[in-house]
């Protein structure tokens, strides 16, 4: 079994402009490629886990999501970095339509995306970590049994033994074990 670094997308891989659905809207976060290269060097598989309620809200389609994901993968590969998996949740319990309007086990803070990735990619969750920008990312990681994580935030104070708060992505690599 391999260990993984689970990465939220909006706010970690790219600047969260709200419902990003095309390369023209996609700005990579400063330091994301360096962080991912360091994670790979430490033996982590890279797995994107992202809530995408914009699909359920009708702002863009699953096909558009996958086209953008393919483009994003290409940008990582151009940097010599392979993304090992991309998992998404298109649901929302109240602000979505049709089949997308539901309570599900994949929308963070639920752990479904992480558990599915672990099963499909043969990942050791107890050796894996989460990198996110919302408390729901850390809650999903804890519920899935990850060893911990990093929360990208400008907020100071507050402590949780499960994760470390960082103010920039470049602060994470020196803390990896």
C-alpha atoms as a PDB file:
ATOM      1  CA  UNK A   1       0.000   0.000   0.000  1.00  0.00           C
ATOM      2  CA  UNK A   2       1.144   3.509  -0.801  1.00  0.00           C
ATOM      3  CA  UNK A   3       0.768   6.711   1.178  1.00  0.00           C
ATOM      4  CA  UNK A   4      -0.996   9.656  -0.422  1.00  0.00           C
ATOM      5  CA  UNK A   5      -1.218  13.399  -0.164  1.00  0.00           C
ATOM      6  CA  UNK A   6      -4.843  14.332  -0.738  1.00  0.00           C
ATOM      7  CA  UNK A   7      -5.083  17.807  -2.250  1.00  0.00           C
ATOM      8  CA  UNK A   8      -8.149  19.998  -2.331  1.00  0.00           C
ATOM      9  CA  UNK A   9      -8.355  21.775  -5.687  1.00  0.00           C
ATOM     10  CA  UNK A  10      -9.828  25.282  -5.332  1.00  0.00           C
ATOM     11  CA  UNK A  11      -7.711  27.163  -2.828  1.00  0.00           C
ATOM     12  CA  UNK A  12      -4.778  24.695  -2.888  1.00  0.00           C
ATOM     13  CA  UNK A  13      -3.985  23.829  -6.509  1.00  0.00           C
ATOM     14  CA  UNK A  14      -5.604  26.917  -7.981  1.00  0.00           C
ATOM     15  CA  UNK A  15      -6.760  30.282  -6.685  1.00  0.00           C
ATOM     16  CA  UNK A  16     -10.384  29.940  -5.616  1.00  0.00           C
ATOM     17  CA  UNK A  17     -12.173  32.409  -7.882  1.00  0.00           C
ATOM     18  CA  UNK A  18     -15.484  30.604  -7.294  1.00  0.00           C
ATOM     19  CA  UNK A  19     -16.778  27.863  -9.606  1.00  0.00           C
ATOM     20  CA  UNK A  20     -13.653  27.679 -11.757  1.00  0.00           C
ATOM     21  CA  UNK A  21     -14.528  25.668 -14.863  1.00  0.00           C
ATOM     22  CA  UNK A  22     -12.095  26.616 -17.653  1.00  0.00           C
ATOM     23  CA  UNK A  23      -8.346  27.122 -18.124  1.00  0.00           C
ATOM     24  CA  UNK A  24      -8.946  30.868 -18.592  1.00  0.00           C
ATOM     25  CA  UNK A  25     -10.229  31.063 -14.991  1.00  0.00           C
ATOM     26  CA  UNK A  26      -7.506  28.807 -13.583  1.00  0.00           C
ATOM     27  CA  UNK A  27      -4.563  30.439 -11.791  1.00  0.00           C
ATOM     28  CA  UNK A  28      -2.159  28.043 -10.088  1.00  0.00           C
ATOM     29  CA  UNK A  29      -1.401  28.756  -6.448  1.00  0.00           C
ATOM     30  CA  UNK A  30       2.094  30.000  -5.763  1.00  0.00           C
ATOM     31  CA  UNK A  31       4.301  27.081  -4.749  1.00  0.00           C
ATOM     32  CA  UNK A  32       1.940  24.237  -5.757  1.00  0.00           C
ATOM     33  CA  UNK A  33       4.349  22.619  -8.229  1.00  0.00           C
ATOM     34  CA  UNK A  34       7.264  22.788  -5.792  1.00  0.00           C
ATOM     35  CA  UNK A  35       5.132  21.305  -3.023  1.00  0.00           C
ATOM     36  CA  UNK A  36       3.909  18.467  -5.237  1.00  0.00           C
ATOM     37  CA  UNK A  37       7.458  17.690  -6.380  1.00  0.00           C
ATOM     38  CA  UNK A  38       8.539  17.522  -2.716  1.00  0.00           C
ATOM     39  CA  UNK A  39       5.605  15.241  -1.882  1.00  0.00           C
ATOM     40  CA  UNK A  40       6.535  12.919  -4.745  1.00  0.00           C
ATOM     41  CA  UNK A  41      10.145  12.871  -3.531  1.00  0.00           C
ATOM     42  CA  UNK A  42       8.896  11.763  -0.108  1.00  0.00           C
ATOM     43  CA  UNK A  43       6.978   8.898  -1.737  1.00  0.00           C
ATOM     44  CA  UNK A  44       3.439  10.296  -1.660  1.00  0.00           C
ATOM     45  CA  UNK A  45       0.917   9.633  -4.397  1.00  0.00           C
ATOM     46  CA  UNK A  46      -0.947  12.815  -5.326  1.00  0.00           C
ATOM     47  CA  UNK A  47      -4.740  12.591  -5.227  1.00  0.00           C
ATOM     48  CA  UNK A  48      -7.075  15.529  -5.867  1.00  0.00           C
ATOM     49  CA  UNK A  49     -10.339  15.445  -3.869  1.00  0.00           C
ATOM     50  CA  UNK A  50     -12.649  18.326  -4.658  1.00  0.00           C
ATOM     51  CA  UNK A  51     -16.217  19.372  -3.935  1.00  0.00           C
ATOM     52  CA  UNK A  52     -17.681  20.640  -7.227  1.00  0.00           C
ATOM     53  CA  UNK A  53     -21.226  21.763  -6.455  1.00  0.00           C
ATOM     54  CA  UNK A  54     -21.033  24.029  -9.508  1.00  0.00           C
ATOM     55  CA  UNK A  55     -21.972  20.919 -11.478  1.00  0.00           C
ATOM     56  CA  UNK A  56     -25.067  20.312  -9.384  1.00  0.00           C
ATOM     57  CA  UNK A  57     -25.947  23.990  -9.524  1.00  0.00           C
ATOM     58  CA  UNK A  58     -25.833  23.882 -13.324  1.00  0.00           C
ATOM     59  CA  UNK A  59     -22.899  26.317 -13.692  1.00  0.00           C
ATOM     60  CA  UNK A  60     -20.880  23.763 -15.703  1.00  0.00           C
ATOM     61  CA  UNK A  61     -21.107  20.110 -16.690  1.00  0.00           C
ATOM     62  CA  UNK A  62     -19.240  17.002 -15.602  1.00  0.00           C
ATOM     63  CA  UNK A  63     -17.737  16.978 -19.100  1.00  0.00           C
ATOM     64  CA  UNK A  64     -16.407  20.522 -18.569  1.00  0.00           C
ATOM     65  CA  UNK A  65     -14.999  19.457 -15.204  1.00  0.00           C
ATOM     66  CA  UNK A  66     -13.117  16.555 -16.816  1.00  0.00           C
ATOM     67  CA  UNK A  67     -11.844  18.736 -19.675  1.00  0.00           C
ATOM     68  CA  UNK A  68     -10.411  21.170 -17.125  1.00  0.00           C
ATOM     69  CA  UNK A  69      -8.997  18.280 -15.079  1.00  0.00           C
ATOM     70  CA  UNK A  70      -7.261  16.871 -18.169  1.00  0.00           C
ATOM     71  CA  UNK A  71      -5.781  20.311 -18.874  1.00  0.00           C
ATOM     72  CA  UNK A  72      -4.650  20.593 -15.231  1.00  0.00           C
ATOM     73  CA  UNK A  73      -2.995  17.145 -15.400  1.00  0.00           C
ATOM     74  CA  UNK A  74      -1.124  18.257 -18.523  1.00  0.00           C
ATOM     75  CA  UNK A  75       0.192  21.330 -16.702  1.00  0.00           C
ATOM     76  CA  UNK A  76       1.471  19.132 -13.856  1.00  0.00           C
ATOM     77  CA  UNK A  77       3.011  16.657 -16.311  1.00  0.00           C
ATOM     78  CA  UNK A  78       4.807  19.559 -18.033  1.00  0.00           C
ATOM     79  CA  UNK A  79       6.455  20.138 -14.633  1.00  0.00           C
ATOM     80  CA  UNK A  80       7.378  16.437 -14.371  1.00  0.00           C
ATOM     81  CA  UNK A  81       4.638  15.697 -11.816  1.00  0.00           C
ATOM     82  CA  UNK A  82       2.023  12.971 -12.167  1.00  0.00           C
ATOM     83  CA  UNK A  83      -1.357  13.318 -10.472  1.00  0.00           C
ATOM     84  CA  UNK A  84      -2.321   9.794  -9.425  1.00  0.00           C
ATOM     85  CA  UNK A  85      -6.053  10.395  -9.112  1.00  0.00           C
ATOM     86  CA  UNK A  86      -8.800  13.001  -9.303  1.00  0.00           C
ATOM     87  CA  UNK A  87     -12.033  12.531  -7.364  1.00  0.00           C
ATOM     88  CA  UNK A  88     -14.929  14.968  -7.206  1.00  0.00           C
ATOM     89  CA  UNK A  89     -18.343  15.402  -5.638  1.00  0.00           C
ATOM     90  CA  UNK A  90     -20.961  17.192  -7.777  1.00  0.00           C
ATOM     91  CA  UNK A  91     -23.655  17.070  -5.066  1.00  0.00           C
ATOM     92  CA  UNK A  92     -25.107  19.621  -2.697  1.00  0.00           C
ATOM     93  CA  UNK A  93     -27.828  18.913  -0.132  1.00  0.00           C
ATOM     94  CA  UNK A  94     -29.867  22.051  -0.877  1.00  0.00           C
ATOM     95  CA  UNK A  95     -28.380  24.184  -3.667  1.00  0.00           C
ATOM     96  CA  UNK A  96     -28.389  21.685  -6.530  1.00  0.00           C
ATOM     97  CA  UNK A  97     -30.923  20.259  -8.973  1.00  0.00           C
ATOM     98  CA  UNK A  98     -32.125  16.801  -9.910  1.00  0.00           C
ATOM     99  CA  UNK A  99     -29.899  13.852  -9.065  1.00  0.00           C
ATOM    100  CA  UNK A 100     -27.230  16.220  -7.721  1.00  0.00           C
ATOM    101  CA  UNK A 101     -29.456  17.484  -4.896  1.00  0.00           C
ATOM    102  CA  UNK A 102     -28.813  14.962  -2.161  1.00  0.00           C
ATOM    103  CA  UNK A 103     -27.022  14.139   1.048  1.00  0.00           C
ATOM    104  CA  UNK A 104     -24.087  11.990   0.036  1.00  0.00           C
ATOM    105  CA  UNK A 105     -21.003  10.401   1.507  1.00  0.00           C
ATOM    106  CA  UNK A 106     -18.608  11.975  -0.996  1.00  0.00           C
ATOM    107  CA  UNK A 107     -19.075  15.685  -0.263  1.00  0.00           C
ATOM    108  CA  UNK A 108     -16.468  16.849   2.217  1.00  0.00           C
ATOM    109  CA  UNK A 109     -16.601  16.858   5.226  1.00  0.00           C
ATOM    110  CA  UNK A 110     -17.770  13.283   4.540  1.00  0.00           C
ATOM    111  CA  UNK A 111     -14.841  10.957   3.778  1.00  0.00           C
ATOM    112  CA  UNK A 112     -16.269   9.194   0.707  1.00  0.00           C
ATOM    113  CA  UNK A 113     -13.853  10.539  -1.913  1.00  0.00           C
ATOM    114  CA  UNK A 114     -10.848   9.636   0.223  1.00  0.00           C
ATOM    115  CA  UNK A 115     -12.179   6.161   0.971  1.00  0.00           C
ATOM    116  CA  UNK A 116     -12.928   5.512  -2.714  1.00  0.00           C
ATOM    117  CA  UNK A 117      -9.445   6.671  -3.716  1.00  0.00           C
ATOM    118  CA  UNK A 118      -7.879   4.441  -1.060  1.00  0.00           C
ATOM    119  CA  UNK A 119      -9.751   1.430  -2.384  1.00  0.00           C
ATOM    120  CA  UNK A 120      -9.064   2.110  -6.059  1.00  0.00           C
ATOM    121  CA  UNK A 121      -5.426   3.186  -5.666  1.00  0.00           C
ATOM    122  CA  UNK A 122      -4.451   0.808  -2.816  1.00  0.00           C
ATOM    123  CA  UNK A 123      -3.601   3.601  -0.383  1.00  0.00           C
ATOM    124  CA  UNK A 124      -2.667   3.349   3.275  1.00  0.00           C
ATOM    125  CA  UNK A 125      -4.877   6.040   4.805  1.00  0.00           C
ATOM    126  CA  UNK A 126      -3.111   5.891   8.187  1.00  0.00           C
ATOM    127  CA  UNK A 127       0.101   7.009   6.438  1.00  0.00           C
ATOM    128  CA  UNK A 128      -1.578   9.661   4.276  1.00  0.00           C
ATOM    129  CA  UNK A 129      -2.235  13.355   4.739  1.00  0.00           C
ATOM    130  CA  UNK A 130      -4.617  16.068   3.565  1.00  0.00           C
ATOM    131  CA  UNK A 131      -3.736  19.519   2.286  1.00  0.00           C
ATOM    132  CA  UNK A 132      -6.747  21.812   2.246  1.00  0.00           C
ATOM    133  CA  UNK A 133      -7.978  25.328   2.866  1.00  0.00           C
ATOM    134  CA  UNK A 134     -11.212  24.604   4.697  1.00  0.00           C
ATOM    135  CA  UNK A 135     -12.103  22.963   7.965  1.00  0.00           C
ATOM    136  CA  UNK A 136     -14.259  20.498   5.998  1.00  0.00           C
ATOM    137  CA  UNK A 137     -11.065  19.178   4.338  1.00  0.00           C
ATOM    138  CA  UNK A 138      -9.587  18.387   7.742  1.00  0.00           C
ATOM    139  CA  UNK A 139     -12.853  16.837   8.951  1.00  0.00           C
ATOM    140  CA  UNK A 140     -12.941  14.523   5.918  1.00  0.00           C
ATOM    141  CA  UNK A 141      -9.318  13.557   6.518  1.00  0.00           C
ATOM    142  CA  UNK A 142      -9.955  12.780  10.162  1.00  0.00           C
ATOM    143  CA  UNK A 143     -13.097  10.765   9.336  1.00  0.00           C
ATOM    144  CA  UNK A 144     -11.146   8.742   6.752  1.00  0.00           C
ATOM    145  CA  UNK A 145      -8.405   7.888   9.261  1.00  0.00           C
ATOM    146  CA  UNK A 146      -5.558   9.907   7.778  1.00  0.00           C
ATOM    147  CA  UNK A 147      -2.510  10.614   9.931  1.00  0.00           C
ATOM    148  CA  UNK A 148      -2.998  14.383   9.696  1.00  0.00           C
ATOM    149  CA  UNK A 149      -2.891  17.356   7.418  1.00  0.00           C
ATOM    150  CA  UNK A 150      -2.080  20.945   6.641  1.00  0.00           C
ATOM    151  CA  UNK A 151      -4.654  23.727   6.608  1.00  0.00           C
ATOM    152  CA  UNK A 152      -3.734  26.701   4.426  1.00  0.00           C
ATOM    153  CA  UNK A 153      -5.141  29.719   6.208  1.00  0.00           C
ATOM    154  CA  UNK A 154      -4.348  33.314   7.035  1.00  0.00           C
ATOM    155  CA  UNK A 155      -5.927  32.831  10.456  1.00  0.00           C
ATOM    156  CA  UNK A 156      -3.661  32.551  13.431  1.00  0.00           C
ATOM    157  CA  UNK A 157      -4.188  30.794  16.684  1.00  0.00           C
ATOM    158  CA  UNK A 158      -6.297  27.779  17.231  1.00  0.00           C
ATOM    159  CA  UNK A 159      -4.716  24.418  17.531  1.00  0.00           C
ATOM    160  CA  UNK A 160      -5.680  20.896  16.667  1.00  0.00           C
ATOM    161  CA  UNK A 161      -3.214  18.054  17.086  1.00  0.00           C
ATOM    162  CA  UNK A 162      -4.525  16.492  13.852  1.00  0.00           C
ATOM    163  CA  UNK A 163      -3.302  19.230  11.504  1.00  0.00           C
ATOM    164  CA  UNK A 164      -0.935  22.179  11.241  1.00  0.00           C
ATOM    165  CA  UNK A 165      -1.963  25.606  10.050  1.00  0.00           C
ATOM    166  CA  UNK A 166       0.257  27.187   7.401  1.00  0.00           C
ATOM    167  CA  UNK A 167      -0.033  30.551   5.697  1.00  0.00           C
ATOM    168  CA  UNK A 168       1.614  29.520   2.411  1.00  0.00           C
ATOM    169  CA  UNK A 169       2.214  26.292   0.525  1.00  0.00           C
ATOM    170  CA  UNK A 170       5.995  26.689   0.685  1.00  0.00           C
ATOM    171  CA  UNK A 171       5.812  26.187   4.459  1.00  0.00           C
ATOM    172  CA  UNK A 172       4.659  22.570   4.086  1.00  0.00           C
ATOM    173  CA  UNK A 173       7.627  20.817   2.395  1.00  0.00           C
ATOM    174  CA  UNK A 174      10.058  21.362   5.308  1.00  0.00           C
ATOM    175  CA  UNK A 175       7.487  19.786   7.655  1.00  0.00           C
ATOM    176  CA  UNK A 176       7.024  16.545   5.661  1.00  0.00           C
ATOM    177  CA  UNK A 177       8.163  13.256   7.121  1.00  0.00           C
END
